[in-house]
Protein backbone atom coordinates (compact mmCIF):
# COMPACT_ATOMS: atom_id res chain seq x y z
CA MET A 1 -3.51 2.84 -37.20
CA PRO A 2 -4.00 0.83 -34.02
CA ALA A 3 -0.88 -0.25 -32.16
CA VAL A 4 -1.56 -3.97 -32.76
CA PRO A 5 -2.30 -4.84 -36.43
CA ASN A 6 -5.95 -5.80 -36.42
CA ALA A 7 -9.15 -4.90 -38.25
CA ASP A 8 -10.59 -3.89 -34.87
CA PRO A 9 -10.45 -0.06 -34.72
CA ARG A 10 -10.59 0.13 -30.93
CA PRO A 11 -7.42 1.37 -29.19
CA VAL A 12 -5.28 -1.11 -27.29
CA VAL A 13 -5.21 -0.15 -23.61
CA ALA A 14 -2.62 -1.52 -21.17
CA ILE A 15 -3.88 -1.79 -17.59
CA THR A 16 -1.37 -2.16 -14.79
CA MET A 17 -2.42 -4.45 -11.93
CA GLY A 18 -1.28 -2.12 -9.15
CA ASP A 19 -0.04 -3.24 -5.75
CA PRO A 20 -0.79 -6.99 -5.47
CA ALA A 21 -1.68 -6.62 -1.78
CA GLY A 22 -4.25 -3.90 -2.47
CA ILE A 23 -7.55 -3.71 -4.31
CA GLY A 24 -5.97 -3.15 -7.74
CA PRO A 25 -6.27 -6.74 -8.95
CA GLU A 26 -9.90 -6.89 -7.81
CA VAL A 27 -10.98 -3.66 -9.51
CA VAL A 28 -9.22 -4.76 -12.69
CA ALA A 29 -11.11 -8.07 -12.62
CA ARG A 30 -14.42 -6.26 -12.06
CA ALA A 31 -13.72 -3.90 -14.95
CA PHE A 32 -12.98 -6.81 -17.28
CA ALA A 33 -16.22 -8.51 -16.23
CA ASP A 34 -18.23 -5.41 -17.14
CA ARG A 35 -19.54 -5.88 -20.66
CA GLY A 36 -19.96 -2.15 -21.25
CA ALA A 37 -16.28 -1.54 -20.46
CA ALA A 38 -15.28 -3.87 -23.29
CA ILE A 39 -16.97 -1.79 -25.98
CA GLY A 40 -14.47 1.03 -26.43
CA ALA A 41 -11.09 -0.63 -26.03
CA ARG A 42 -9.04 -3.76 -26.48
CA ARG A 43 -7.72 -4.38 -22.97
CA VAL A 44 -4.65 -6.19 -21.68
CA VAL A 45 -3.32 -6.39 -18.10
CA PHE A 46 0.32 -6.01 -17.12
CA GLY A 47 0.67 -7.96 -13.89
CA ASP A 48 1.07 -11.40 -12.35
CA ALA A 49 -1.25 -14.10 -13.69
CA ARG A 50 -1.31 -15.92 -10.33
CA VAL A 51 -2.57 -12.83 -8.54
CA MET A 52 -5.13 -12.06 -11.24
CA LYS A 53 -6.41 -15.62 -11.05
CA ARG A 54 -7.09 -15.10 -7.33
CA ALA A 55 -8.76 -11.75 -8.05
CA VAL A 56 -11.11 -13.36 -10.58
CA ALA A 57 -12.05 -15.96 -7.98
CA VAL A 58 -12.54 -13.42 -5.15
CA THR A 59 -14.76 -11.18 -7.26
CA GLY A 60 -16.67 -14.04 -8.86
CA ALA A 61 -16.02 -12.52 -12.28
CA ALA A 62 -17.13 -14.73 -15.18
CA LEU A 63 -13.81 -14.55 -16.97
CA GLY A 64 -11.27 -16.86 -18.49
CA LEU A 65 -7.65 -16.01 -17.74
CA ARG A 66 -4.88 -16.25 -20.34
CA PRO A 67 -1.22 -15.40 -19.68
CA ILE A 68 0.55 -13.86 -22.68
CA ARG A 69 4.03 -12.51 -23.37
CA SER A 70 3.12 -9.28 -25.16
CA PRO A 71 0.06 -7.32 -26.33
CA GLN A 72 0.60 -8.65 -29.87
CA GLU A 73 -0.54 -12.06 -28.63
CA GLY A 74 -3.86 -10.69 -27.37
CA HIS A 75 -7.20 -12.01 -28.62
CA PHE A 76 -9.16 -9.31 -26.74
CA GLY A 77 -12.25 -11.41 -26.26
CA PRO A 78 -15.02 -9.87 -24.10
CA SER A 79 -14.95 -12.71 -21.55
CA GLU A 80 -11.19 -13.22 -21.43
CA LEU A 81 -8.70 -11.50 -19.13
CA GLU A 82 -5.31 -11.56 -20.82
CA VAL A 83 -2.24 -10.84 -18.70
CA VAL A 84 1.24 -9.93 -19.85
CA ASP A 85 2.62 -12.08 -17.06
CA LEU A 86 5.64 -10.68 -15.25
CA ALA A 87 5.39 -13.49 -12.65
CA ASN A 88 6.92 -11.26 -9.97
CA ALA A 89 4.41 -11.42 -7.10
CA ASP A 90 4.07 -14.97 -5.80
CA PRO A 91 0.97 -14.85 -3.52
CA LEU A 92 2.94 -16.87 -0.93
CA THR A 93 5.40 -13.99 -0.50
CA PHE A 94 3.03 -11.24 0.69
CA GLU A 95 -0.05 -10.68 2.84
CA ALA A 96 -3.23 -9.00 1.67
CA GLY A 97 -3.55 -5.45 2.97
CA ARG A 98 0.05 -5.22 4.19
CA VAL A 99 2.98 -3.05 3.17
CA SER A 100 5.46 -5.21 1.26
CA ALA A 101 8.73 -4.59 -0.57
CA VAL A 102 7.84 -7.43 -2.94
CA CYS A 103 4.60 -5.70 -3.89
CA GLY A 104 6.25 -2.29 -4.12
CA ARG A 105 8.81 -3.54 -6.62
CA ALA A 106 6.20 -5.51 -8.56
CA SER A 107 4.02 -2.38 -8.82
CA TRP A 108 6.89 -0.45 -10.36
CA GLU A 109 7.68 -3.25 -12.81
CA TYR A 110 4.10 -3.29 -14.13
CA VAL A 111 4.22 0.46 -14.76
CA GLU A 112 7.64 0.25 -16.39
CA ALA A 113 6.66 -2.64 -18.68
CA ALA A 114 3.36 -1.07 -19.75
CA SER A 115 5.03 2.29 -20.37
CA ARG A 116 7.75 0.71 -22.49
CA ALA A 117 5.06 -1.09 -24.49
CA ALA A 118 3.38 2.28 -25.09
CA LEU A 119 6.66 3.88 -26.12
CA ALA A 120 7.21 1.02 -28.57
CA GLY A 121 3.76 1.53 -30.09
CA GLU A 122 2.45 -1.83 -28.85
CA VAL A 123 -0.41 -0.17 -26.92
CA ASP A 124 -2.22 3.14 -27.39
CA ALA A 125 -2.71 4.18 -23.77
CA VAL A 126 -1.90 3.08 -20.23
CA VAL A 127 -4.36 2.83 -17.33
CA THR A 128 -2.96 2.38 -13.83
CA ALA A 129 -4.43 0.65 -10.79
CA PRO A 130 -3.36 2.00 -7.37
CA ILE A 131 0.06 1.52 -5.85
CA ASN A 132 1.15 2.01 -2.25
CA LYS A 133 3.77 4.65 -1.43
CA GLU A 134 4.97 2.81 1.69
CA SER A 135 5.49 -0.39 -0.29
CA ILE A 136 7.41 1.55 -2.92
CA ALA A 137 9.61 2.99 -0.18
CA ALA A 138 10.07 -0.47 1.36
CA ALA A 139 11.39 -1.66 -2.00
CA ARG A 140 13.92 1.20 -1.87
CA LEU A 141 12.79 2.62 -5.16
CA PRO A 142 13.47 6.31 -5.90
CA TYR A 143 9.85 7.18 -6.69
CA VAL A 144 7.05 8.78 -4.68
CA GLY A 145 4.30 7.54 -6.96
CA HIS A 146 3.09 6.99 -10.51
CA THR A 147 3.95 10.47 -11.78
CA GLU A 148 7.59 10.07 -10.83
CA MET A 149 7.71 6.55 -12.30
CA LEU A 150 6.28 7.72 -15.61
CA ALA A 151 8.65 10.66 -15.68
CA ALA A 152 11.60 8.30 -15.19
CA VAL A 153 10.57 5.92 -18.01
CA THR A 154 9.65 8.62 -20.52
CA GLU A 155 12.28 11.19 -19.49
CA VAL A 156 9.53 13.81 -19.29
CA ARG A 157 10.56 16.08 -16.45
CA ASP A 158 7.20 17.25 -15.11
CA PRO A 159 4.08 15.48 -16.45
CA LEU A 160 0.80 17.36 -16.19
CA THR A 161 -2.16 16.05 -14.19
CA MET A 162 -5.80 16.62 -15.18
CA PHE A 163 -8.90 15.31 -13.43
CA GLU A 164 -12.07 14.57 -15.37
CA THR A 165 -15.55 13.69 -14.18
CA GLY A 166 -19.00 14.33 -15.59
CA GLY A 167 -17.68 16.85 -18.13
CA LEU A 168 -15.63 18.79 -15.56
CA ARG A 169 -11.89 19.00 -16.26
CA VAL A 170 -9.44 20.30 -13.66
CA PHE A 171 -5.70 21.00 -13.82
CA PHE A 172 -3.47 21.69 -10.81
CA LEU A 173 -0.87 24.41 -10.40
CA THR A 174 0.53 22.63 -7.32
CA ARG A 175 0.17 19.07 -6.06
CA HIS A 176 1.64 17.43 -2.96
CA VAL A 177 2.82 20.38 -0.91
CA SER A 178 1.40 22.00 2.21
CA LEU A 179 -1.31 24.62 1.82
CA ARG A 180 1.15 27.25 3.05
CA GLY A 181 3.70 26.05 0.53
CA ALA A 182 1.11 26.01 -2.25
CA CYS A 183 0.21 29.66 -1.60
CA ASP A 184 3.89 30.60 -1.91
CA LEU A 185 3.99 28.87 -5.31
CA VAL A 186 1.15 30.97 -6.74
CA THR A 187 3.41 33.25 -8.77
CA ARG A 188 3.02 34.96 -12.11
CA PRO A 189 5.76 33.00 -13.91
CA ARG A 190 4.50 29.63 -12.64
CA ILE A 191 0.91 30.40 -13.60
CA VAL A 192 1.84 31.58 -17.10
CA ALA A 193 3.99 28.51 -17.71
CA CYS A 194 1.23 26.22 -16.41
CA LEU A 195 -1.43 27.91 -18.54
CA GLU A 196 0.69 27.33 -21.63
CA ARG A 197 1.06 23.65 -20.80
CA CYS A 198 -2.62 23.21 -19.91
CA SER A 199 -3.76 24.89 -23.12
CA ALA A 200 -1.47 22.64 -25.15
CA ALA A 201 -2.75 19.59 -23.26
CA LEU A 202 -6.39 20.44 -24.01
CA ALA A 203 -5.53 20.91 -27.69
CA GLY A 204 -3.78 17.55 -27.61
CA LEU A 205 -7.02 15.96 -26.44
CA GLY A 206 -8.99 17.75 -29.13
CA VAL A 207 -10.78 19.91 -26.53
CA ARG A 208 -11.64 23.51 -27.50
CA GLY A 209 -12.71 26.38 -25.28
CA THR A 210 -11.54 28.76 -22.57
CA LEU A 211 -9.41 27.68 -19.62
CA ALA A 212 -10.48 29.37 -16.37
CA VAL A 213 -8.13 30.15 -13.48
CA ALA A 214 -9.63 29.67 -10.01
CA GLY A 215 -9.19 32.38 -7.42
CA LEU A 216 -7.03 31.69 -4.38
CA ASN A 217 -8.73 33.84 -1.74
CA PRO A 218 -12.44 34.23 -0.87
CA HIS A 219 -14.13 36.37 -3.55
CA CYS A 220 -10.77 36.52 -5.34
CA GLY A 221 -9.44 38.71 -2.54
CA GLU A 222 -12.15 41.38 -2.89
CA HIS A 223 -9.65 43.90 -4.29
CA GLY A 224 -7.11 43.27 -1.56
CA LEU A 225 -9.44 43.00 1.43
CA PHE A 226 -8.86 39.25 1.86
CA GLY A 227 -5.43 38.84 0.28
CA ASP A 228 -3.44 40.38 -2.53
CA GLU A 229 -2.34 37.31 -4.54
CA GLU A 230 -5.03 37.85 -7.18
CA GLY A 231 -3.98 41.42 -7.95
CA ARG A 232 -0.27 40.84 -7.48
CA GLU A 233 0.24 37.49 -9.25
CA ILE A 234 -2.85 35.86 -10.76
CA GLU A 235 -4.43 38.73 -12.73
CA PRO A 236 -1.10 39.75 -14.34
CA ALA A 237 -0.45 36.11 -15.21
CA VAL A 238 -3.81 35.76 -16.94
CA ALA A 239 -3.25 39.04 -18.80
CA GLU A 240 0.17 37.86 -19.97
CA ALA A 241 -1.21 34.51 -21.10
CA ARG A 242 -3.98 36.22 -23.06
CA ALA A 243 -1.41 38.51 -24.67
CA ARG A 244 0.36 35.35 -25.84
CA GLY A 245 -2.84 34.26 -27.55
CA LEU A 246 -4.03 31.69 -25.02
CA PRO A 247 -7.81 31.33 -24.47
CA VAL A 248 -7.81 31.86 -20.70
CA ALA A 249 -9.94 33.79 -18.18
CA GLY A 250 -9.81 34.63 -14.50
CA PRO A 251 -9.29 34.64 -11.72
CA ILE A 252 -12.81 33.45 -11.02
CA GLY A 253 -14.04 32.70 -7.52
CA ALA A 254 -13.39 29.11 -6.54
CA ASP A 255 -16.91 28.84 -5.13
CA SER A 256 -18.40 29.20 -8.63
CA VAL A 257 -15.75 28.43 -11.26
CA PHE A 258 -16.10 24.64 -11.06
CA HIS A 259 -19.87 24.86 -11.53
CA LEU A 260 -19.35 27.15 -14.52
CA ALA A 261 -16.95 24.66 -16.07
CA ARG A 262 -19.30 21.79 -15.33
CA THR A 263 -22.03 23.63 -17.25
CA ARG A 264 -19.69 24.16 -20.24
CA ARG A 265 -18.92 27.87 -19.72
CA TYR A 266 -15.28 26.87 -19.58
CA ALA A 267 -13.40 23.92 -21.07
CA ALA A 268 -11.38 23.36 -17.89
CA VAL A 269 -10.25 24.96 -14.64
CA LEU A 270 -6.75 25.57 -13.34
CA SER A 271 -6.96 24.80 -9.60
CA LEU A 272 -4.27 26.52 -7.57
CA TYR A 273 -3.80 23.86 -4.91
CA HIS A 274 -4.44 20.15 -4.40
CA ASP A 275 -7.65 20.06 -2.39
CA GLN A 276 -9.29 22.99 -4.20
CA GLY A 277 -9.71 20.87 -7.33
CA HIS A 278 -9.98 17.47 -5.65
CA ILE A 279 -12.94 18.55 -3.51
CA ALA A 280 -14.81 19.91 -6.53
CA CYS A 281 -14.36 16.74 -8.58
CA LYS A 282 -14.95 14.23 -5.83
CA THR A 283 -18.04 16.01 -4.56
CA LEU A 284 -19.48 15.99 -8.07
CA ASP A 285 -18.90 12.24 -8.48
CA PHE A 286 -16.46 10.49 -6.16
CA GLU A 287 -16.47 7.11 -7.90
CA ARG A 288 -16.18 8.45 -11.43
CA THR A 289 -13.40 10.99 -10.97
CA ILE A 290 -10.39 9.84 -12.94
CA SER A 291 -6.89 11.24 -13.44
CA LEU A 292 -5.17 11.83 -16.78
CA THR A 293 -1.41 12.33 -17.04
CA LEU A 294 -0.68 14.53 -20.04
CA GLY A 295 2.50 15.70 -21.71
CA LEU A 296 3.87 12.15 -21.97
CA PRO A 297 4.52 10.44 -25.32
CA PHE A 298 1.42 8.35 -24.56
CA LEU A 299 -1.86 8.92 -22.73
CA ARG A 300 -2.11 7.65 -19.16
CA THR A 301 -5.31 7.55 -17.12
CA SER A 302 -5.75 6.32 -13.59
CA VAL A 303 -8.24 5.52 -10.90
CA ASP A 304 -8.45 8.23 -8.27
CA HIS A 305 -8.32 6.02 -5.20
CA GLY A 306 -5.68 4.20 -3.24
CA THR A 307 -4.89 0.60 -2.46
CA ALA A 308 -7.57 0.46 0.29
CA PHE A 309 -5.66 -2.11 2.35
CA ASP A 310 -8.53 -2.23 4.86
CA ILE A 311 -10.84 -3.96 2.36
CA ALA A 312 -8.27 -5.60 0.07
CA TRP A 313 -9.07 -9.16 -1.00
CA THR A 314 -12.48 -9.14 0.71
CA GLY A 315 -14.45 -8.79 -2.54
CA LYS A 316 -15.85 -5.41 -1.44
CA ALA A 317 -13.93 -3.15 -3.84
CA SER A 318 -15.95 -1.42 -6.57
CA GLY A 319 -14.76 -1.48 -10.17
CA VAL A 320 -16.62 1.70 -11.19
CA ASN A 321 -13.59 4.00 -11.05
CA MET A 322 -11.46 1.57 -13.07
CA ILE A 323 -14.23 1.22 -15.65
CA GLU A 324 -14.29 5.02 -15.97
CA ALA A 325 -10.49 5.20 -16.28
CA ILE A 326 -10.51 2.65 -19.10
CA ALA A 327 -13.38 4.47 -20.82
CA ALA A 328 -11.48 7.78 -20.62
CA ALA A 329 -8.39 6.17 -22.13
CA ALA A 330 -10.47 4.75 -24.96
CA ARG A 331 -12.26 8.07 -25.48
CA HIS A 332 -9.12 10.20 -25.73
CA ALA A 333 -6.55 7.78 -27.16
CA LYS A 334 -7.15 8.54 -30.84
CA ALA A 335 -6.92 12.33 -30.50
CA TYR A 336 -3.93 12.07 -28.18
CA ARG A 337 -2.11 9.76 -30.57
CA THR A 338 -2.91 12.02 -33.55
CA ASN A 339 -1.59 15.09 -31.74
CA HIS A 340 1.60 13.39 -30.60
CA SER A 341 3.05 12.48 -33.96
CA ASP A 342 6.49 11.74 -32.49
CA ARG A 343 5.02 8.67 -30.83
CA PRO A 344 5.93 5.30 -32.44
CA GLY A 345 3.26 3.25 -34.20
């Protein structure tokens, strides 16, 4: 059943406004103005109605704006932008394109409110617009970014990140650490544990197939000529995971594994470090690469770009990535909800 009682079968998707000083409000307005983006989901913004009103004007979006108190009050009309109005970012209190404690705290409050609505079963998925790490720090909040915020609200210790674009799905063994540090984290226990979580995440999305592990070194080390991590850590990890019944393969050279996954040989790829997977996805389609946070009680998708302070509030920001993030949430929400039966609603 949908989160909000309604004959409309489309999932209800909460969209956070992001940092008010960045491009988040603009890309949200552009996504709401796109008629195609309205087909798959009932959409509601968690933000500040005053800021969204400005964003509608800056983008020239043909939208009416309606403040509401909760998703249950939503009409979800195709030409109406409805905002659960937290009224926490008075435009007179911050400058466009500038780091601001006001905007940092507001960004967190949108994520918290939307997440709590998802936990309560009021919405089926959450889509996040970009936040600014410096603004979060200026607000003296104990979070680096969205992942840490979501972990705090849901009490999920280590949410799992997956990128998706054009049929390519990519998981990450490591995220925001140095390349040297990432190499040190390529260990058999970590890989096995990650493969178990990734396989469960794919099943939770209703995705079937083999999960491929990317190689770390050129040509997967060429039997020790260019590094021994494959033979010492990665191959034993894959063998152990297969012995546990997981449909995994690898290591497979990073120069070919992403293409093989893109052409459906594999359901997804486990990238071993941040840029290995990011480069593959963003080269394939920079604007349509979106991020999914899995392992939470609800599905979260996100744009894969930042607050772009240099062009904020100039009307130049593209809504394509936000449209894709909303579409991904709509596409996966039903399967995710079905496979997370402990979720309310």
